[in-house]
Amino acid sequence: MFDKLLQVQQKAEEIKKKLETVIVTGESEGGKIKVSANGNKVITSIEIDETFISVADKEELEELLIVATNKALEQAERVHQSEMQSMSQDMLGGLGGLFNK
């Protein structure tokens, strides 16, 4: 039983490392603002078109940053949930062997 739990812990660590490499991007204002996040829901970069900065006011820029950030985090959440669901299914399939021993 301990072996199975150790396998689950190792699998969770593998998924966490994998999610660090998955990058999703949220955009606003037709791609003039881009926010990227990894599958662990950590913002990894923010890109703002230089020409947009020169014409946008502070409030507009802040609002559009929020929109792009939320889009990136929503995508990251979907990726994260998908990986966790996959791990849970693998885990439940493996745990079935615990009760047969």
PDB file of N, CA and C in Angstrom:
ATOM      1  N   MET A   1       0.827  -1.187   0.000  1.00  0.00           N
ATOM      2  CA  MET A   1       0.000   0.000   0.000  1.00  0.00           C
ATOM      3  C   MET A   1       0.876   1.257   0.000  1.00  0.00           C
ATOM      4  N   PHE A   2       1.958   1.242   0.793  1.00  0.00           N
ATOM      5  CA  PHE A   2       2.861   2.381   0.841  1.00  0.00           C
ATOM      6  C   PHE A   2       3.473   2.640  -0.531  1.00  0.00           C
ATOM      7  N   ASP A   3       3.772   1.567  -1.263  1.00  0.00           N
ATOM      8  CA  ASP A   3       4.339   1.707  -2.607  1.00  0.00           C
ATOM      9  C   ASP A   3       3.382   2.457  -3.520  1.00  0.00           C
ATOM     10  N   LYS A   4       2.109   2.137  -3.420  1.00  0.00           N
ATOM     11  CA  LYS A   4       1.100   2.801  -4.260  1.00  0.00           C
ATOM     12  C   LYS A   4       1.017   4.294  -3.924  1.00  0.00           C
ATOM     13  N   LEU A   5       1.045   4.611  -2.634  1.00  0.00           N
ATOM     14  CA  LEU A   5       0.984   6.015  -2.222  1.00  0.00           C
ATOM     15  C   LEU A   5       2.224   6.774  -2.677  1.00  0.00           C
ATOM     16  N   LEU A   6       3.370   6.122  -2.625  1.00  0.00           N
ATOM     17  CA  LEU A   6       4.602   6.736  -3.094  1.00  0.00           C
ATOM     18  C   LEU A   6       4.529   6.990  -4.598  1.00  0.00           C
ATOM     19  N   GLN A   7       3.945   6.051  -5.324  1.00  0.00           N
ATOM     20  CA  GLN A   7       3.769   6.223  -6.770  1.00  0.00           C
ATOM     21  C   GLN A   7       2.869   7.418  -7.067  1.00  0.00           C
ATOM     22  N   VAL A   8       1.819   7.583  -6.289  1.00  0.00           N
ATOM     23  CA  VAL A   8       0.904   8.710  -6.473  1.00  0.00           C
ATOM     24  C   VAL A   8       1.642  10.020  -6.227  1.00  0.00           C
ATOM     25  N   GLN A   9       2.441  10.066  -5.175  1.00  0.00           N
ATOM     26  CA  GLN A   9       3.205  11.268  -4.862  1.00  0.00           C
ATOM     27  C   GLN A   9       4.190  11.582  -5.984  1.00  0.00           C
ATOM     28  N   GLN A  10       4.851  10.578  -6.500  1.00  0.00           N
ATOM     29  CA  GLN A  10       5.792  10.779  -7.597  1.00  0.00           C
ATOM     30  C   GLN A  10       5.069  11.265  -8.847  1.00  0.00           C
ATOM     31  N   LYS A  11       3.908  10.700  -9.112  1.00  0.00           N
ATOM     32  CA  LYS A  11       3.119  11.111 -10.276  1.00  0.00           C
ATOM     33  C   LYS A  11       2.695  12.571 -10.139  1.00  0.00           C
ATOM     34  N   ALA A  12       2.306  12.985  -8.939  1.00  0.00           N
ATOM     35  CA  ALA A  12       1.908  14.373  -8.707  1.00  0.00           C
ATOM     36  C   ALA A  12       3.083  15.320  -8.969  1.00  0.00           C
ATOM     37  N   GLU A  13       4.260  14.942  -8.549  1.00  0.00           N
ATOM     38  CA  GLU A  13       5.453  15.756  -8.799  1.00  0.00           C
ATOM     39  C   GLU A  13       5.759  15.835 -10.291  1.00  0.00           C
ATOM     40  N   GLU A  14       5.597  14.724 -10.994  1.00  0.00           N
ATOM     41  CA  GLU A  14       5.821  14.710 -12.440  1.00  0.00           C
ATOM     42  C   GLU A  14       4.849  15.654 -13.137  1.00  0.00           C
ATOM     43  N   ILE A  15       3.599  15.617 -12.725  1.00  0.00           N
ATOM     44  CA  ILE A  15       2.587  16.476 -13.337  1.00  0.00           C
ATOM     45  C   ILE A  15       2.896  17.937 -13.051  1.00  0.00           C
ATOM     46  N   LYS A  16       3.314  18.238 -11.842  1.00  0.00           N
ATOM     47  CA  LYS A  16       3.661  19.621 -11.495  1.00  0.00           C
ATOM     48  C   LYS A  16       4.789  20.119 -12.390  1.00  0.00           C
ATOM     49  N   LYS A  17       5.814  19.290 -12.596  1.00  0.00           N
ATOM     50  CA  LYS A  17       6.920  19.679 -13.472  1.00  0.00           C
ATOM     51  C   LYS A  17       6.445  19.840 -14.912  1.00  0.00           C
ATOM     52  N   LYS A  18       5.571  18.943 -15.340  1.00  0.00           N
ATOM     53  CA  LYS A  18       5.040  19.029 -16.700  1.00  0.00           C
ATOM     54  C   LYS A  18       4.240  20.320 -16.876  1.00  0.00           C
ATOM     55  N   LEU A  19       3.429  20.665 -15.881  1.00  0.00           N
ATOM     56  CA  LEU A  19       2.608  21.867 -15.968  1.00  0.00           C
ATOM     57  C   LEU A  19       3.448  23.141 -16.002  1.00  0.00           C
ATOM     58  N   GLU A  20       4.644  23.083 -15.449  1.00  0.00           N
ATOM     59  CA  GLU A  20       5.537  24.243 -15.526  1.00  0.00           C
ATOM     60  C   GLU A  20       5.955  24.529 -16.957  1.00  0.00           C
ATOM     61  N   THR A  21       5.948  23.513 -17.807  1.00  0.00           N
ATOM     62  CA  THR A  21       6.383  23.681 -19.196  1.00  0.00           C
ATOM     63  C   THR A  21       5.229  24.014 -20.140  1.00  0.00           C
ATOM     64  N   VAL A  22       3.994  23.863 -19.676  1.00  0.00           N
ATOM     65  CA  VAL A  22       2.834  24.173 -20.509  1.00  0.00           C
ATOM     66  C   VAL A  22       2.541  25.667 -20.379  1.00  0.00           C
ATOM     67  N   ILE A  23       2.593  26.378 -21.502  1.00  0.00           N
ATOM     68  CA  ILE A  23       2.355  27.819 -21.488  1.00  0.00           C
ATOM     69  C   ILE A  23       1.068  28.126 -22.259  1.00  0.00           C
ATOM     70  N   VAL A  24       0.207  28.904 -21.627  1.00  0.00           N
ATOM     71  CA  VAL A  24      -1.024  29.371 -22.265  1.00  0.00           C
ATOM     72  C   VAL A  24      -0.981  30.900 -22.293  1.00  0.00           C
ATOM     73  N   THR A  25      -1.727  31.485 -23.227  1.00  0.00           N
ATOM     74  CA  THR A  25      -1.695  32.934 -23.385  1.00  0.00           C
ATOM     75  C   THR A  25      -3.103  33.496 -23.456  1.00  0.00           C
ATOM     76  N   GLY A  26      -3.315  34.579 -22.735  1.00  0.00           N
ATOM     77  CA  GLY A  26      -4.560  35.332 -22.820  1.00  0.00           C
ATOM     78  C   GLY A  26      -4.265  36.653 -23.499  1.00  0.00           C
ATOM     79  N   GLU A  27      -5.169  37.078 -24.374  1.00  0.00           N
ATOM     80  CA  GLU A  27      -4.955  38.315 -25.113  1.00  0.00           C
ATOM     81  C   GLU A  27      -6.139  39.246 -24.954  1.00  0.00           C
ATOM     82  N   SER A  28      -5.861  40.542 -25.125  1.00  0.00           N
ATOM     83  CA  SER A  28      -6.928  41.529 -25.203  1.00  0.00           C
ATOM     84  C   SER A  28      -6.531  42.571 -26.236  1.00  0.00           C
ATOM     85  N   GLU A  29      -7.508  43.345 -26.642  1.00  0.00           N
ATOM     86  CA  GLU A  29      -7.310  44.402 -27.640  1.00  0.00           C
ATOM     87  C   GLU A  29      -6.651  43.845 -28.906  1.00  0.00           C
ATOM     88  N   GLY A  30      -7.212  42.705 -29.366  1.00  0.00           N
ATOM     89  CA  GLY A  30      -6.732  42.111 -30.609  1.00  0.00           C
ATOM     90  C   GLY A  30      -5.280  41.666 -30.575  1.00  0.00           C
ATOM     91  N   GLY A  31      -4.803  41.237 -29.417  1.00  0.00           N
ATOM     92  CA  GLY A  31      -3.434  40.750 -29.301  1.00  0.00           C
ATOM     93  C   GLY A  31      -2.421  41.816 -28.951  1.00  0.00           C
ATOM     94  N   LYS A  32      -2.887  43.032 -28.720  1.00  0.00           N
ATOM     95  CA  LYS A  32      -1.940  44.097 -28.354  1.00  0.00           C
ATOM     96  C   LYS A  32      -1.434  43.924 -26.925  1.00  0.00           C
ATOM     97  N   ILE A  33      -2.184  43.200 -26.121  1.00  0.00           N
ATOM     98  CA  ILE A  33      -1.743  42.846 -24.781  1.00  0.00           C
ATOM     99  C   ILE A  33      -1.817  41.334 -24.665  1.00  0.00           C
ATOM    100  N   LYS A  34      -0.701  40.725 -24.278  1.00  0.00           N
ATOM    101  CA  LYS A  34      -0.629  39.268 -24.137  1.00  0.00           C
ATOM    102  C   LYS A  34      -0.066  38.937 -22.767  1.00  0.00           C
ATOM    103  N   VAL A  35      -0.757  38.047 -22.078  1.00  0.00           N
ATOM    104  CA  VAL A  35      -0.295  37.570 -20.779  1.00  0.00           C
ATOM    105  C   VAL A  35      -0.151  36.061 -20.873  1.00  0.00           C
ATOM    106  N   SER A  36       1.001  35.556 -20.509  1.00  0.00           N
ATOM    107  CA  SER A  36       1.252  34.115 -20.545  1.00  0.00           C
ATOM    108  C   SER A  36       1.356  33.576 -19.127  1.00  0.00           C
ATOM    109  N   ALA A  37       0.868  32.349 -18.964  1.00  0.00           N
ATOM    110  CA  ALA A  37       0.934  31.663 -17.674  1.00  0.00           C
ATOM    111  C   ALA A  37       1.295  30.212 -17.936  1.00  0.00           C
ATOM    112  N   ASN A  38       1.842  29.562 -16.915  1.00  0.00           N
ATOM    113  CA  ASN A  38       2.101  28.131 -17.075  1.00  0.00           C
ATOM    114  C   ASN A  38       0.925  27.327 -16.504  1.00  0.00           C
ATOM    115  N   GLY A  39       0.985  26.034 -16.666  1.00  0.00           N
ATOM    116  CA  GLY A  39      -0.093  25.166 -16.213  1.00  0.00           C
ATOM    117  C   GLY A  39      -0.267  25.119 -14.707  1.00  0.00           C
ATOM    118  N   ASN A  40       0.694  25.667 -13.974  1.00  0.00           N
ATOM    119  CA  ASN A  40       0.563  25.770 -12.519  1.00  0.00           C
ATOM    120  C   ASN A  40      -0.047  27.100 -12.101  1.00  0.00           C
ATOM    121  N   LYS A  41      -0.563  27.829 -13.071  1.00  0.00           N
ATOM    122  CA  LYS A  41      -1.265  29.093 -12.858  1.00  0.00           C
ATOM    123  C   LYS A  41      -0.348  30.192 -12.335  1.00  0.00           C
ATOM    124  N   VAL A  42       0.868  30.231 -12.874  1.00  0.00           N
ATOM    125  CA  VAL A  42       1.832  31.274 -12.538  1.00  0.00           C
ATOM    126  C   VAL A  42       2.048  32.124 -13.795  1.00  0.00           C
ATOM    127  N   ILE A  43       1.881  33.448 -13.659  1.00  0.00           N
ATOM    128  CA  ILE A  43       2.109  34.345 -14.787  1.00  0.00           C
ATOM    129  C   ILE A  43       3.595  34.303 -15.132  1.00  0.00           C
ATOM    130  N   THR A  44       3.900  34.069 -16.419  1.00  0.00           N
ATOM    131  CA  THR A  44       5.294  33.958 -16.840  1.00  0.00           C
ATOM    132  C   THR A  44       5.760  35.151 -17.671  1.00  0.00           C
ATOM    133  N   SER A  45       4.824  35.849 -18.322  1.00  0.00           N
ATOM    134  CA  SER A  45       5.224  37.031 -19.078  1.00  0.00           C
ATOM    135  C   SER A  45       4.016  37.900 -19.402  1.00  0.00           C
ATOM    136  N   ILE A  46       4.319  39.174 -19.623  1.00  0.00           N
ATOM    137  CA  ILE A  46       3.313  40.146 -20.067  1.00  0.00           C
ATOM    138  C   ILE A  46       3.953  40.929 -21.203  1.00  0.00           C
ATOM    139  N   GLU A  47       3.243  40.977 -22.339  1.00  0.00           N
ATOM    140  CA  GLU A  47       3.736  41.725 -23.489  1.00  0.00           C
ATOM    141  C   GLU A  47       2.691  42.772 -23.865  1.00  0.00           C
ATOM    142  N   ILE A  48       3.153  44.009 -24.062  1.00  0.00           N
ATOM    143  CA  ILE A  48       2.261  45.091 -24.464  1.00  0.00           C
ATOM    144  C   ILE A  48       2.864  45.750 -25.692  1.00  0.00           C
ATOM    145  N   ASP A  49       2.074  45.837 -26.738  1.00  0.00           N
ATOM    146  CA  ASP A  49       2.503  46.468 -27.979  1.00  0.00           C
ATOM    147  C   ASP A  49       2.902  47.927 -27.699  1.00  0.00           C
ATOM    148  N   GLU A  50       4.088  48.300 -28.150  1.00  0.00           N
ATOM    149  CA  GLU A  50       4.599  49.641 -27.858  1.00  0.00           C
ATOM    150  C   GLU A  50       3.723  50.752 -28.427  1.00  0.00           C
ATOM    151  N   THR A  51       3.169  50.532 -29.605  1.00  0.00           N
ATOM    152  CA  THR A  51       2.317  51.580 -30.176  1.00  0.00           C
ATOM    153  C   THR A  51       1.028  51.732 -29.376  1.00  0.00           C
ATOM    154  N   PHE A  52       0.560  50.637 -28.803  1.00  0.00           N
ATOM    155  CA  PHE A  52      -0.655  50.707 -27.983  1.00  0.00           C
ATOM    156  C   PHE A  52      -0.387  51.495 -26.705  1.00  0.00           C
ATOM    157  N   ILE A  53       0.787  51.316 -26.107  1.00  0.00           N
ATOM    158  CA  ILE A  53       1.139  52.042 -24.887  1.00  0.00           C
ATOM    159  C   ILE A  53       1.081  53.551 -25.121  1.00  0.00           C
ATOM    160  N   SER A  54       1.532  53.970 -26.289  1.00  0.00           N
ATOM    161  CA  SER A  54       1.595  55.413 -26.550  1.00  0.00           C
ATOM    162  C   SER A  54       0.221  56.041 -26.743  1.00  0.00           C
ATOM    163  N   VAL A  55      -0.792  55.243 -27.090  1.00  0.00           N
ATOM    164  CA  VAL A  55      -2.129  55.817 -27.321  1.00  0.00           C
ATOM    165  C   VAL A  55      -3.133  55.474 -26.218  1.00  0.00           C
ATOM    166  N   ALA A  56      -2.834  54.493 -25.388  1.00  0.00           N
ATOM    167  CA  ALA A  56      -3.776  54.065 -24.338  1.00  0.00           C
ATOM    168  C   ALA A  56      -3.589  54.900 -23.088  1.00  0.00           C
ATOM    169  N   ASP A  57      -4.694  55.126 -22.401  1.00  0.00           N
ATOM    170  CA  ASP A  57      -4.550  55.793 -21.106  1.00  0.00           C
ATOM    171  C   ASP A  57      -4.378  54.733 -20.021  1.00  0.00           C
ATOM    172  N   LYS A  58      -4.003  55.167 -18.845  1.00  0.00           N
ATOM    173  CA  LYS A  58      -3.677  54.273 -17.741  1.00  0.00           C
ATOM    174  C   LYS A  58      -4.835  53.345 -17.395  1.00  0.00           C
ATOM    175  N   GLU A  59      -6.037  53.870 -17.275  1.00  0.00           N
ATOM    176  CA  GLU A  59      -7.200  53.065 -16.896  1.00  0.00           C
ATOM    177  C   GLU A  59      -7.519  52.005 -17.940  1.00  0.00           C
ATOM    178  N   GLU A  60      -7.437  52.383 -19.215  1.00  0.00           N
ATOM    179  CA  GLU A  60      -7.694  51.424 -20.298  1.00  0.00           C
ATOM    180  C   GLU A  60      -6.661  50.304 -20.265  1.00  0.00           C
ATOM    181  N   LEU A  61      -5.413  50.676 -20.090  1.00  0.00           N
ATOM    182  CA  LEU A  61      -4.335  49.691 -20.035  1.00  0.00           C
ATOM    183  C   LEU A  61      -4.530  48.729 -18.867  1.00  0.00           C
ATOM    184  N   GLU A  62      -4.852  49.265 -17.701  1.00  0.00           N
ATOM    185  CA  GLU A  62      -5.072  48.415 -16.527  1.00  0.00           C
ATOM    186  C   GLU A  62      -6.239  47.457 -16.749  1.00  0.00           C
ATOM    187  N   GLU A  63      -7.328  47.967 -17.318  1.00  0.00           N
ATOM    188  CA  GLU A  63      -8.501  47.122 -17.570  1.00  0.00           C
ATOM    189  C   GLU A  63      -8.181  45.995 -18.547  1.00  0.00           C
ATOM    190  N   LEU A  64      -7.468  46.330 -19.607  1.00  0.00           N
ATOM    191  CA  LEU A  64      -7.130  45.316 -20.607  1.00  0.00           C
ATOM    192  C   LEU A  64      -6.104  44.310 -20.082  1.00  0.00           C
ATOM    193  N   LEU A  65      -5.236  44.749 -19.198  1.00  0.00           N
ATOM    194  CA  LEU A  65      -4.304  43.812 -18.545  1.00  0.00           C
ATOM    195  C   LEU A  65      -5.067  42.807 -17.694  1.00  0.00           C
ATOM    196  N   ILE A  66      -6.079  43.283 -16.997  1.00  0.00           N
ATOM    197  CA  ILE A  66      -6.904  42.384 -16.180  1.00  0.00           C
ATOM    198  C   ILE A  66      -7.602  41.365 -17.069  1.00  0.00           C
ATOM    199  N   VAL A  67      -8.167  41.824 -18.188  1.00  0.00           N
ATOM    200  CA  VAL A  67      -8.865  40.914 -19.110  1.00  0.00           C
ATOM    201  C   VAL A  67      -7.908  39.836 -19.617  1.00  0.00           C
ATOM    202  N   ALA A  68      -6.737  40.250 -20.097  1.00  0.00           N
ATOM    203  CA  ALA A  68      -5.774  39.286 -20.644  1.00  0.00           C
ATOM    204  C   ALA A  68      -5.271  38.337 -19.560  1.00  0.00           C
ATOM    205  N   THR A  69      -5.033  38.857 -18.371  1.00  0.00           N
ATOM    206  CA  THR A  69      -4.566  38.015 -17.262  1.00  0.00           C
ATOM    207  C   THR A  69      -5.613  36.981 -16.890  1.00  0.00           C
ATOM    208  N   ASN A  70      -6.857  37.399 -16.783  1.00  0.00           N
ATOM    209  CA  ASN A  70      -7.922  36.452 -16.447  1.00  0.00           C
ATOM    210  C   ASN A  70      -8.086  35.380 -17.516  1.00  0.00           C
ATOM    211  N   LYS A  71      -7.962  35.758 -18.779  1.00  0.00           N
ATOM    212  CA  LYS A  71      -8.045  34.765 -19.857  1.00  0.00           C
ATOM    213  C   LYS A  71      -6.918  33.740 -19.741  1.00  0.00           C
ATOM    214  N   ALA A  72      -5.713  34.220 -19.475  1.00  0.00           N
ATOM    215  CA  ALA A  72      -4.566  33.304 -19.332  1.00  0.00           C
ATOM    216  C   ALA A  72      -4.770  32.367 -18.150  1.00  0.00           C
ATOM    217  N   LEU A  73      -5.229  32.914 -17.021  1.00  0.00           N
ATOM    218  CA  LEU A  73      -5.431  32.089 -15.828  1.00  0.00           C
ATOM    219  C   LEU A  73      -6.572  31.095 -16.011  1.00  0.00           C
ATOM    220  N   GLU A  74      -7.612  31.467 -16.758  1.00  0.00           N
ATOM    221  CA  GLU A  74      -8.703  30.525 -17.045  1.00  0.00           C
ATOM    222  C   GLU A  74      -8.189  29.356 -17.870  1.00  0.00           C
ATOM    223  N   GLN A  75      -7.366  29.648 -18.881  1.00  0.00           N
ATOM    224  CA  GLN A  75      -6.792  28.574 -19.695  1.00  0.00           C
ATOM    225  C   GLN A  75      -5.860  27.697 -18.866  1.00  0.00           C
ATOM    226  N   ALA A  76      -5.066  28.325 -18.026  1.00  0.00           N
ATOM    227  CA  ALA A  76      -4.157  27.561 -17.166  1.00  0.00           C
ATOM    228  C   ALA A  76      -4.942  26.662 -16.225  1.00  0.00           C
ATOM    229  N   GLU A  77      -6.048  27.163 -15.708  1.00  0.00           N
ATOM    230  CA  GLU A  77      -6.898  26.357 -14.817  1.00  0.00           C
ATOM    231  C   GLU A  77      -7.456  25.141 -15.555  1.00  0.00           C
ATOM    232  N   ARG A  78      -7.884  25.335 -16.798  1.00  0.00           N
ATOM    233  CA  ARG A  78      -8.406  24.205 -17.585  1.00  0.00           C
ATOM    234  C   ARG A  78      -7.329  23.143 -17.800  1.00  0.00           C
ATOM    235  N   VAL A  79      -6.123  23.582 -18.150  1.00  0.00           N
ATOM    236  CA  VAL A  79      -5.013  22.634 -18.349  1.00  0.00           C
ATOM    237  C   VAL A  79      -4.709  21.916 -17.043  1.00  0.00           C
ATOM    238  N   HIS A  80      -4.657  22.670 -15.964  1.00  0.00           N
ATOM    239  CA  HIS A  80      -4.356  22.108 -14.646  1.00  0.00           C
ATOM    240  C   HIS A  80      -5.417  21.072 -14.258  1.00  0.00           C
ATOM    241  N   GLN A  81      -6.674  21.417 -14.406  1.00  0.00           N
ATOM    242  CA  GLN A  81      -7.759  20.494 -14.056  1.00  0.00           C
ATOM    243  C   GLN A  81      -7.709  19.228 -14.901  1.00  0.00           C
ATOM    244  N   SER A  82      -7.413  19.392 -16.172  1.00  0.00           N
ATOM    245  CA  SER A  82      -7.324  18.234 -17.073  1.00  0.00           C
ATOM    246  C   SER A  82      -6.231  17.270 -16.624  1.00  0.00           C
ATOM    247  N   GLU A  83      -5.069  17.818 -16.281  1.00  0.00           N
ATOM    248  CA  GLU A  83      -3.966  16.970 -15.818  1.00  0.00           C
ATOM    249  C   GLU A  83      -4.299  16.308 -14.479  1.00  0.00           C
ATOM    250  N   MET A  84      -4.919  17.054 -13.582  1.00  0.00           N
ATOM    251  CA  MET A  84      -5.274  16.491 -12.277  1.00  0.00           C
ATOM    252  C   MET A  84      -6.341  15.403 -12.424  1.00  0.00           C
ATOM    253  N   GLN A  85      -7.280  15.619 -13.327  1.00  0.00           N
ATOM    254  CA  GLN A  85      -8.315  14.611 -13.561  1.00  0.00           C
ATOM    255  C   GLN A  85      -7.683  13.335 -14.120  1.00  0.00           C
ATOM    256  N   SER A  86      -6.739  13.517 -15.028  1.00  0.00           N
ATOM    257  CA  SER A  86      -6.045  12.366 -15.598  1.00  0.00           C
ATOM    258  C   SER A  86      -5.283  11.609 -14.511  1.00  0.00           C
ATOM    259  N   MET A  87      -4.625  12.354 -13.621  1.00  0.00           N
ATOM    260  CA  MET A  87      -3.893  11.717 -12.537  1.00  0.00           C
ATOM    261  C   MET A  87      -4.850  10.984 -11.602  1.00  0.00           C
ATOM    262  N   SER A  88      -5.991  11.594 -11.311  1.00  0.00           N
ATOM    263  CA  SER A  88      -6.970  10.967 -10.422  1.00  0.00           C
ATOM    264  C   SER A  88      -7.475   9.652 -11.007  1.00  0.00           C
ATOM    265  N   GLN A  89      -7.731   9.656 -12.305  1.00  0.00           N
ATOM    266  CA  GLN A  89      -8.192   8.426 -12.945  1.00  0.00           C
ATOM    267  C   GLN A  89      -7.118   7.356 -12.885  1.00  0.00           C
ATOM    268  N   ASP A  90      -5.872   7.754 -13.141  1.00  0.00           N
ATOM    269  CA  ASP A  90      -4.763   6.798 -13.043  1.00  0.00           C
ATOM    270  C   ASP A  90      -4.641   6.282 -11.614  1.00  0.00           C
ATOM    271  N   MET A  91      -4.786   7.192 -10.669  1.00  0.00           N
ATOM    272  CA  MET A  91      -4.646   6.848  -9.260  1.00  0.00           C
ATOM    273  C   MET A  91      -5.738   5.879  -8.828  1.00  0.00           C
ATOM    274  N   LEU A  92      -6.968   6.167  -9.209  1.00  0.00           N
ATOM    275  CA  LEU A  92      -8.074   5.286  -8.816  1.00  0.00           C
ATOM    276  C   LEU A  92      -7.934   3.912  -9.453  1.00  0.00           C
ATOM    277  N   GLY A  93      -7.440   3.900 -10.684  1.00  0.00           N
ATOM    278  CA  GLY A  93      -7.206   2.614 -11.329  1.00  0.00           C
ATOM    279  C   GLY A  93      -6.134   1.823 -10.607  1.00  0.00           C
ATOM    280  N   GLY A  94      -5.086   2.516 -10.156  1.00  0.00           N
ATOM    281  CA  GLY A  94      -4.008   1.858  -9.416  1.00  0.00           C
ATOM    282  C   GLY A  94      -4.404   1.466  -8.017  1.00  0.00           C
ATOM    283  N   LEU A  95      -5.276   2.240  -7.388  1.00  0.00           N
ATOM    284  CA  LEU A  95      -5.681   1.934  -6.040  1.00  0.00           C
ATOM    285  C   LEU A  95      -6.590   0.707  -5.979  1.00  0.00           C
ATOM    286  N   GLY A  96      -7.186   0.367  -7.098  1.00  0.00           N
ATOM    287  CA  GLY A  96      -8.014  -0.834  -7.124  1.00  0.00           C
ATOM    288  C   GLY A  96      -7.214  -2.061  -6.748  1.00  0.00           C
ATOM    289  N   GLY A  97      -5.925  -2.039  -7.060  1.00  0.00           N
ATOM    290  CA  GLY A  97      -5.060  -3.152  -6.701  1.00  0.00           C
ATOM    291  C   GLY A  97      -4.776  -3.239  -5.203  1.00  0.00           C
ATOM    292  N   LEU A  98      -4.959  -2.129  -4.489  1.00  0.00           N
ATOM    293  CA  LEU A  98      -4.720  -2.148  -3.046  1.00  0.00           C
ATOM    294  C   LEU A  98      -5.672  -3.089  -2.332  1.00  0.00           C
ATOM    295  N   PHE A  99      -6.888  -3.111  -2.793  1.00  0.00           N
ATOM    296  CA  PHE A  99      -7.924  -3.869  -2.092  1.00  0.00           C
ATOM    297  C   PHE A  99      -7.951  -5.342  -2.505  1.00  0.00           C
ATOM    298  N   ASN A 100      -7.209  -5.650  -3.547  1.00  0.00           N
ATOM    299  CA  ASN A 100      -7.150  -7.042  -4.000  1.00  0.00           C
ATOM    300  C   ASN A 100      -6.006  -7.810  -3.344  1.00  0.00           C
ATOM    301  N   LYS A 101      -5.160  -7.097  -2.596  1.00  0.00           N
ATOM    302  CA  LYS A 101      -3.997  -7.766  -1.994  1.00  0.00           C
ATOM    303  C   LYS A 101      -4.252  -8.127  -0.562  1.00  0.00           C
TER     304      LYS A 101
END
